[in-house]
Each structure stands twice: as structure tokens, then as C-alpha cells.
Amino acid sequence: MKLLHKLVFALALTVQAVGAQAQSYPNKPIRLVCPFPPGGAVDIASRATAHTLSQLLGQPVTVDNRPGAGGNIGAEITAKSAPDGYTLLMTTSGIMGINPALYSKIPFDSIKDFAPVSILVSLNNVLVVNPSLPFKSVQEVIAAAKAQPGKLTYASSGNGTSIHLSGELFKSMANVDMLHIPYKGSSPAVTDLLAGQVNMMFDNIPSSLPHIKAGKLRALAVTGSKRSQLLPDLPTIAEAGVPGYDSYVWFGIVAPAGTPAEIVAKLNAALVKTAATAEFRERLTSQGYEVMSSTPEQMATSIRGEIAKWGKVVKASGAKVD
């Protein structure tokens, strides 16, 4: 009986400590892990989120870029961090839904190792080519790829990213063979695309948009089911000759599994406010993002849906990363 009383007492102290921790949260700086390099679409969203979130929470929120392995390195760092709300991850639908099917060995479980907080943005990708190439339409790309199988190259921000799988989906649905060239992030991939080292890219709109506007890249089509408000004259790939094609990405915040529900709720409330802030919305919508928010439960449902959707695409494409 004495042992039982000690266990009950210890449990009560633990619950009290967790409650006190949640009430005082946050009382020190928060680290937001960005699993891609500076300059890319995920980094842009991370920095906008950190700026507004720090104002709302009253504590500094610093972006910690940890690129590599299609986002897996940053995700693993977050999954293994203390579940106290002071390490968060700006994750993507690619990391959570594509990587589990693409990588033969993955250092985390998308469902078990994270506490979803909120989806924040979604965006189309855009098919861009170096303007030195003659292609003016998706159909011309398909024709060239069929005429010379395996010769055309397309860059991506890394194996397993939405940019990579947008290309794999295109190859599968257009029945063409093109060579994938992975990079450690969108920014270095775009740099080589601008230099003509690679032919094309299914890039996130925010990182390619300035180059499209400057005439340094030629945009042919967007990858989602709807046209982009920022590039309204561009057709979707489905409209341009690949019926049924649809590929887009969302970004959102997760915490390590085991983070107290009270802290997750506080973070969710702050992120919902972040998404509603005029400065945040303008900063991101002007660069091609669609701003949104969700409950943790809705985000968990989306993660499961991405795993089911992209698992089929990866299997059909035959893509695999060891």
C-alpha cells in the first residue's frame, strides 16, 4: 500500500510539474528547425513564421537550417529533441508523406515521432526551364524527352522532396524518361539551372518567381490543379497536355512526440493568429503561398493522407533512395 501511495504521489508531482511548465511556456527562446538551406521556399516560410511567432509569444524564435537527405536530417534532429516545445520543425508534406516510401531507411516515423501543431501554407510548384532552351510549352518538353530518352535533366531540392516527386509524377504520366539531378535544397538547384548546368526544374514558386519575373527562367506551367494567382497566364500541367496531373505541397509546424498537449494547444493558437496576421499573409501571398491554418487533428489527418497518396506514386515510379 505504501508503494502505491508513493506512485500516486510521484504521478501527482509529475502532472503538477507538466502543468506548471505549460503555464509558464514559453520562458526562453524557441528553435525552429528548417530542414532545407537558406533561400528556398521552406526557409522563406520558416523566417516569416519565426518573425511573427516571436512577436506573439514574447520570446525569440530562431531559424536553424539543417539541410540534407530530403529534409530527413532536420526531421530527425527535431524528433530526438526534448518534447518541451522549445524545438519545432517546419515540415512539409514531402517529408511526412513522400520520404517514408522513398527512403529504404528513414530515421523517424511520421506518425509516431511528432506532435502535429498546424499546417501554415500550401503552394504550387512551377515547371521552369533555362531560357537558352527552345522549349515554349509542356508539349515541346514531352516531345524532346521522347525523341532523346534520358538526355533532358531536371533538378530538385533533394531526393524525396515534392520538387523531385513532381518530376517523377510527370515522367510517369507523360511516359517520358528524364535524368533527375538532386541538390541539397532549392536555392543551389536554381543556381545551377540559371547557369544552364541542368535543363529544368519543378520548383516551388517562391524560389523561382524572382527569376521568372526577371526573364532569367522561362515558366511553362504550374503543377497544381488550379492556376496560380501570381502567374495567372500559365496553364496547369494538366491543361497543358498531361490530363489528371496534380502535385502541390504544404508546410506546417510539428513538435517532438510527447510534447504536453497544453503546449501544443498554445502553439496552435499562436500559429492560427500568425496565419491571420496581415503582415504575415502579405509577406507570403505576394510570393505565391496560400496561407492557411489547421487544428493538430486536421494536420494529423493530412499527414496520413499524404502517406497514402505518395506511397502509390513512389511505388509506381520505381524511385528509391538507399
Protein backbone atom coordinates (compact mmCIF):
# COMPACT_ATOMS: atom_id res chain seq x y z
CA MET A 1 0.00 0.00 0.00
CA LYS A 2 2.88 2.36 0.83
CA LEU A 3 4.34 1.72 -2.63
CA LEU A 4 1.00 2.56 -4.24
CA HIS A 5 0.82 5.82 -2.28
CA LYS A 6 4.37 6.70 -3.38
CA LEU A 7 3.50 6.02 -7.03
CA VAL A 8 0.33 8.12 -6.82
CA PHE A 9 2.26 10.92 -5.14
CA ALA A 10 5.02 10.77 -7.78
CA LEU A 11 2.42 10.84 -10.56
CA ALA A 12 0.71 13.83 -8.98
CA LEU A 13 4.03 15.69 -8.80
CA THR A 14 4.72 14.90 -12.46
CA VAL A 15 1.30 16.15 -13.56
CA GLN A 16 1.79 19.29 -11.44
CA ALA A 17 5.23 19.90 -12.98
CA VAL A 18 3.90 19.47 -16.53
CA GLY A 19 1.03 21.83 -15.76
CA ALA A 20 3.40 24.44 -14.38
CA GLN A 21 5.68 24.02 -17.41
CA ALA A 22 2.77 24.57 -19.78
CA GLN A 23 1.55 27.64 -17.86
CA SER A 24 4.96 29.32 -17.97
CA TYR A 25 5.61 28.37 -21.61
CA PRO A 26 7.45 29.91 -23.32
CA ASN A 27 10.04 31.39 -20.97
CA LYS A 28 13.12 31.05 -23.18
CA PRO A 29 13.99 31.19 -26.91
CA ILE A 30 12.43 28.67 -29.31
CA ARG A 31 14.36 26.93 -32.09
CA LEU A 32 12.54 26.42 -35.39
CA VAL A 33 14.37 23.79 -37.42
CA CYS A 34 14.23 24.40 -41.18
CA PRO A 35 15.29 21.16 -42.91
CA PHE A 36 16.43 22.94 -46.09
CA PRO A 37 19.08 25.61 -46.85
CA PRO A 38 18.53 29.38 -46.70
CA GLY A 39 16.84 30.95 -49.71
CA GLY A 40 14.40 28.18 -50.64
CA ALA A 41 10.64 28.10 -50.23
CA VAL A 42 10.68 26.28 -46.85
CA ASP A 43 13.25 28.74 -45.49
CA ILE A 44 11.17 31.73 -46.64
CA ALA A 45 8.12 30.36 -44.82
CA SER A 46 10.21 29.49 -41.76
CA ARG A 47 11.60 33.01 -41.39
CA ALA A 48 8.21 34.65 -41.86
CA THR A 49 6.72 32.31 -39.25
CA ALA A 50 9.58 32.85 -36.78
CA HIS A 51 9.24 36.63 -37.08
CA THR A 52 5.50 36.73 -36.35
CA LEU A 53 5.53 33.90 -33.81
CA SER A 54 8.22 35.61 -31.73
CA GLN A 55 6.06 38.74 -31.55
CA LEU A 56 3.01 36.76 -30.43
CA LEU A 57 4.82 34.57 -27.89
CA GLY A 58 7.14 37.22 -26.48
CA GLN A 59 10.25 35.08 -26.94
CA PRO A 60 12.84 34.93 -29.74
CA VAL A 61 12.14 32.26 -32.36
CA THR A 62 15.33 31.46 -34.28
CA VAL A 63 15.53 29.54 -37.55
CA ASP A 64 18.08 26.71 -37.51
CA ASN A 65 18.79 25.45 -41.06
CA ARG A 66 19.65 21.74 -41.05
CA PRO A 67 19.53 20.64 -44.72
CA GLY A 68 20.13 17.24 -46.25
CA ALA A 69 18.56 13.90 -47.15
CA GLY A 70 15.36 15.46 -48.49
CA GLY A 71 14.56 17.02 -45.13
CA ASN A 72 15.25 13.86 -43.11
CA ILE A 73 18.21 15.32 -41.20
CA GLY A 74 16.23 18.24 -39.78
CA ALA A 75 13.27 15.99 -39.06
CA GLU A 76 15.44 13.50 -37.16
CA ILE A 77 17.03 16.30 -35.09
CA THR A 78 13.56 17.50 -34.10
CA ALA A 79 12.19 14.03 -33.38
CA LYS A 80 15.09 13.37 -30.98
CA SER A 81 14.84 16.75 -29.23
CA ALA A 82 13.28 17.25 -25.81
CA PRO A 83 9.47 17.33 -26.08
CA ASP A 84 9.16 20.66 -24.27
CA GLY A 85 8.00 23.00 -27.04
CA TYR A 86 11.40 24.67 -27.47
CA THR A 87 12.37 22.76 -30.63
CA LEU A 88 9.91 22.82 -33.52
CA LEU A 89 10.14 21.69 -37.14
CA MET A 90 8.88 23.43 -40.26
CA THR A 91 7.96 20.22 -42.02
CA THR A 92 6.48 19.56 -45.44
CA SER A 93 4.03 17.14 -47.00
CA GLY A 94 7.05 15.71 -48.81
CA ILE A 95 8.98 14.94 -45.64
CA MET A 96 5.96 13.43 -43.92
CA GLY A 97 4.31 11.68 -46.88
CA ILE A 98 6.90 11.02 -49.58
CA ASN A 99 10.04 10.18 -47.63
CA PRO A 100 8.63 7.14 -45.76
CA ALA A 101 8.01 5.44 -49.13
CA LEU A 102 11.09 6.74 -50.93
CA TYR A 103 13.85 6.03 -48.41
CA SER A 104 14.70 2.42 -47.62
CA LYS A 105 15.99 3.57 -44.23
CA ILE A 106 14.34 6.54 -42.54
CA PRO A 107 15.33 7.77 -39.06
CA PHE A 108 11.83 8.72 -37.88
CA ASP A 109 8.18 7.73 -38.05
CA SER A 110 5.95 10.47 -39.49
CA ILE A 111 3.04 9.42 -37.27
CA LYS A 112 4.67 8.24 -34.04
CA ASP A 113 7.59 10.64 -33.63
CA PHE A 114 5.86 14.02 -33.98
CA ALA A 115 3.05 16.03 -32.41
CA PRO A 116 1.27 17.92 -35.21
CA VAL A 117 0.58 21.59 -34.43
CA SER A 118 -0.72 23.33 -37.57
CA ILE A 119 -0.42 23.45 -41.36
CA LEU A 120 0.50 27.01 -42.36
CA VAL A 121 0.86 27.33 -46.13
CA SER A 122 0.46 25.46 -49.38
CA LEU A 123 1.81 26.23 -52.81
CA ASN A 124 2.06 25.10 -56.38
CA ASN A 125 5.29 24.12 -57.99
CA VAL A 126 6.17 25.58 -61.38
CA LEU A 127 7.90 23.93 -64.33
CA VAL A 128 10.75 26.26 -65.30
CA VAL A 129 13.42 25.89 -67.98
CA ASN A 130 16.59 27.76 -68.78
CA PRO A 131 15.68 30.34 -71.47
CA SER A 132 18.56 29.18 -73.66
CA LEU A 133 16.48 26.09 -74.40
CA PRO A 134 13.93 26.23 -77.23
CA PHE A 135 11.01 24.86 -75.19
CA LYS A 136 7.98 27.16 -75.03
CA SER A 137 5.39 24.61 -73.87
CA VAL A 138 4.95 21.41 -71.89
CA GLN A 139 4.20 19.56 -75.13
CA GLU A 140 7.58 20.62 -76.55
CA VAL A 141 9.33 19.28 -73.44
CA ILE A 142 7.49 15.96 -73.79
CA ALA A 143 8.35 15.72 -77.48
CA ALA A 144 12.05 16.40 -76.83
CA ALA A 145 12.16 13.90 -73.95
CA LYS A 146 10.61 11.20 -76.15
CA ALA A 147 12.97 11.97 -79.01
CA GLN A 148 16.05 11.64 -76.77
CA PRO A 149 15.21 9.45 -73.75
CA GLY A 150 17.33 10.15 -70.67
CA LYS A 151 19.07 13.21 -72.11
CA LEU A 152 16.98 16.02 -70.58
CA THR A 153 17.85 16.79 -66.95
CA TYR A 154 15.70 18.16 -64.16
CA ALA A 155 16.99 19.47 -60.85
CA SER A 156 15.36 19.08 -57.45
CA SER A 157 15.92 20.28 -53.90
CA GLY A 158 16.77 16.71 -52.88
CA ASN A 159 15.63 13.13 -53.18
CA GLY A 160 12.14 12.72 -51.78
CA THR A 161 11.11 16.37 -51.89
CA SER A 162 7.89 17.50 -53.58
CA ILE A 163 10.07 19.01 -56.32
CA HIS A 164 11.62 15.61 -57.02
CA LEU A 165 8.31 13.72 -56.94
CA SER A 166 6.60 16.35 -59.11
CA GLY A 167 9.18 15.36 -61.72
CA GLU A 168 8.69 11.65 -61.12
CA LEU A 169 4.92 12.04 -61.44
CA PHE A 170 5.45 13.97 -64.70
CA LYS A 171 7.73 11.26 -66.09
CA SER A 172 5.22 8.57 -65.22
CA MET A 173 2.10 10.33 -66.51
CA ALA A 174 3.74 11.76 -69.67
CA ASN A 175 5.57 8.48 -70.31
CA VAL A 176 8.98 10.11 -70.72
CA ASP A 177 12.50 9.38 -69.48
CA MET A 178 14.44 12.31 -67.96
CA LEU A 179 17.51 12.36 -65.69
CA HIS A 180 16.98 13.55 -62.10
CA ILE A 181 19.77 15.69 -60.56
CA PRO A 182 19.24 16.13 -56.78
CA TYR A 183 20.67 19.07 -54.79
CA LYS A 184 20.74 19.96 -51.09
CA GLY A 185 17.95 22.49 -51.32
CA SER A 186 16.08 24.56 -53.88
CA SER A 187 18.49 27.50 -53.87
CA PRO A 188 21.61 25.64 -55.16
CA ALA A 189 19.44 23.78 -57.68
CA VAL A 190 18.08 27.05 -59.07
CA THR A 191 21.63 28.46 -59.19
CA ASP A 192 22.71 25.62 -61.49
CA LEU A 193 19.52 25.93 -63.53
CA LEU A 194 20.26 29.63 -64.09
CA ALA A 195 23.79 28.71 -65.17
CA GLY A 196 22.50 26.14 -67.64
CA GLN A 197 24.03 23.16 -65.81
CA VAL A 198 20.58 21.50 -65.78
CA ASN A 199 17.66 21.88 -68.17
CA MET A 200 14.58 22.31 -66.00
CA MET A 201 13.04 22.12 -62.56
CA PHE A 202 9.61 21.63 -60.97
CA ASP A 203 10.43 24.29 -58.39
CA ASN A 204 8.36 25.80 -55.59
CA ILE A 205 7.01 29.10 -56.95
CA PRO A 206 8.58 31.41 -54.29
CA SER A 207 12.18 30.49 -55.06
CA SER A 208 11.79 30.74 -58.87
CA LEU A 209 9.38 33.70 -59.06
CA PRO A 210 12.02 36.50 -58.97
CA HIS A 211 13.96 34.79 -61.79
CA ILE A 212 10.77 34.28 -63.82
CA LYS A 213 9.93 37.98 -63.47
CA ALA A 214 13.49 38.94 -64.44
CA GLY A 215 13.37 36.75 -67.55
CA LYS A 216 16.19 34.53 -66.28
CA LEU A 217 13.92 31.47 -66.21
CA ARG A 218 11.06 30.57 -68.55
CA ALA A 219 7.93 29.25 -66.80
CA LEU A 220 5.86 26.72 -68.75
CA ALA A 221 3.14 25.51 -66.35
CA VAL A 222 2.15 25.11 -62.70
CA THR A 223 1.82 21.70 -61.09
CA GLY A 224 -1.39 22.03 -59.05
CA SER A 225 -4.99 21.54 -60.06
CA LYS A 226 -5.59 25.32 -60.21
CA ARG A 227 -3.67 28.18 -61.81
CA SER A 228 -1.54 30.42 -59.61
CA GLN A 229 -2.83 33.90 -58.78
CA LEU A 230 0.71 35.23 -59.24
CA LEU A 231 1.15 33.54 -62.64
CA PRO A 232 -2.43 33.56 -63.98
CA ASP A 233 -1.41 33.22 -67.63
CA LEU A 234 0.41 29.94 -67.01
CA PRO A 235 -1.64 26.79 -67.61
CA THR A 236 -1.60 23.86 -65.25
CA ILE A 237 0.37 20.85 -66.45
CA ALA A 238 -2.98 19.06 -66.73
CA GLU A 239 -4.26 21.81 -69.03
CA ALA A 240 -1.01 21.78 -70.99
CA GLY A 241 -1.23 18.17 -72.05
CA VAL A 242 -0.94 15.76 -69.09
CA PRO A 243 -4.57 15.18 -68.01
CA GLY A 244 -5.07 14.42 -64.32
CA TYR A 245 -1.65 15.69 -63.26
CA ASP A 246 -1.78 17.37 -59.81
CA SER A 247 1.12 17.98 -57.43
CA TYR A 248 1.34 20.60 -54.69
CA VAL A 249 2.99 20.91 -51.29
CA TRP A 250 2.08 22.18 -47.84
CA PHE A 251 4.35 23.31 -44.99
CA GLY A 252 3.48 23.25 -41.31
CA ILE A 253 4.78 23.04 -37.76
CA VAL A 254 5.27 19.87 -35.72
CA ALA A 255 6.86 19.29 -32.31
CA PRO A 256 8.53 16.16 -30.96
CA ALA A 257 6.12 13.42 -29.85
CA GLY A 258 5.34 13.66 -26.17
CA THR A 259 5.12 17.45 -26.12
CA PRO A 260 2.44 18.30 -23.49
CA ALA A 261 -0.99 18.86 -25.01
CA GLU A 262 -1.25 22.23 -23.26
CA ILE A 263 1.91 23.45 -25.01
CA VAL A 264 0.71 22.11 -28.38
CA ALA A 265 -2.57 23.98 -27.83
CA LYS A 266 -0.71 27.23 -27.01
CA LEU A 267 1.43 26.86 -30.12
CA ASN A 268 -1.58 26.08 -32.28
CA ALA A 269 -3.42 29.17 -31.03
CA ALA A 270 -0.34 31.31 -31.78
CA LEU A 271 0.04 29.82 -35.27
CA VAL A 272 -3.65 30.38 -36.07
CA LYS A 273 -3.08 34.04 -35.09
CA THR A 274 0.09 34.09 -37.16
CA ALA A 275 -1.81 32.92 -40.25
CA ALA A 276 -4.39 35.66 -39.69
CA THR A 277 -1.82 38.45 -39.30
CA ALA A 278 -1.91 40.92 -42.19
CA GLU A 279 1.88 41.28 -42.36
CA PHE A 280 2.42 37.50 -42.47
CA ARG A 281 -0.28 36.97 -45.09
CA GLU A 282 1.00 39.74 -47.34
CA ARG A 283 4.61 38.63 -46.98
CA LEU A 284 3.81 35.11 -48.15
CA THR A 285 0.88 35.51 -50.57
CA SER A 286 2.96 38.03 -52.52
CA GLN A 287 5.45 35.22 -53.12
CA GLY A 288 2.98 32.58 -54.23
CA TYR A 289 1.98 30.87 -50.99
CA GLU A 290 -1.60 30.20 -49.96
CA VAL A 291 -1.82 30.92 -46.23
CA MET A 292 -3.96 28.69 -44.00
CA SER A 293 -4.10 27.12 -40.55
CA SER A 294 -5.44 23.90 -39.08
CA THR A 295 -6.06 22.05 -35.87
CA PRO A 296 -3.49 19.46 -34.77
CA GLU A 297 -6.07 16.77 -35.58
CA GLN A 298 -6.59 18.09 -39.12
CA MET A 299 -2.83 18.14 -39.67
CA ALA A 300 -2.56 14.54 -38.45
CA THR A 301 -5.26 13.52 -40.95
CA SER A 302 -3.41 15.34 -43.75
CA ILE A 303 -0.16 13.54 -42.90
CA ARG A 304 -1.90 10.16 -43.14
CA GLY A 305 -3.44 11.20 -46.46
CA GLU A 306 -0.06 12.23 -47.89
CA ILE A 307 1.49 8.90 -46.87
CA ALA A 308 -1.29 7.02 -48.70
CA LYS A 309 -1.16 9.25 -51.83
CA TRP A 310 2.59 9.46 -52.35
CA GLY A 311 3.29 5.87 -51.38
CA LYS A 312 1.45 4.85 -54.55
CA VAL A 313 3.31 7.42 -56.69
CA VAL A 314 6.72 6.35 -55.39
CA LYS A 315 5.91 2.67 -55.95
CA ALA A 316 4.63 3.32 -59.49
CA SER A 317 7.69 5.42 -60.36
CA GLY A 318 10.15 2.89 -59.02
CA ALA A 319 12.04 5.69 -57.26
CA LYS A 320 14.07 4.60 -54.24
CA VAL A 321 16.83 6.14 -52.13
CA ASP A 322 19.18 3.92 -50.13
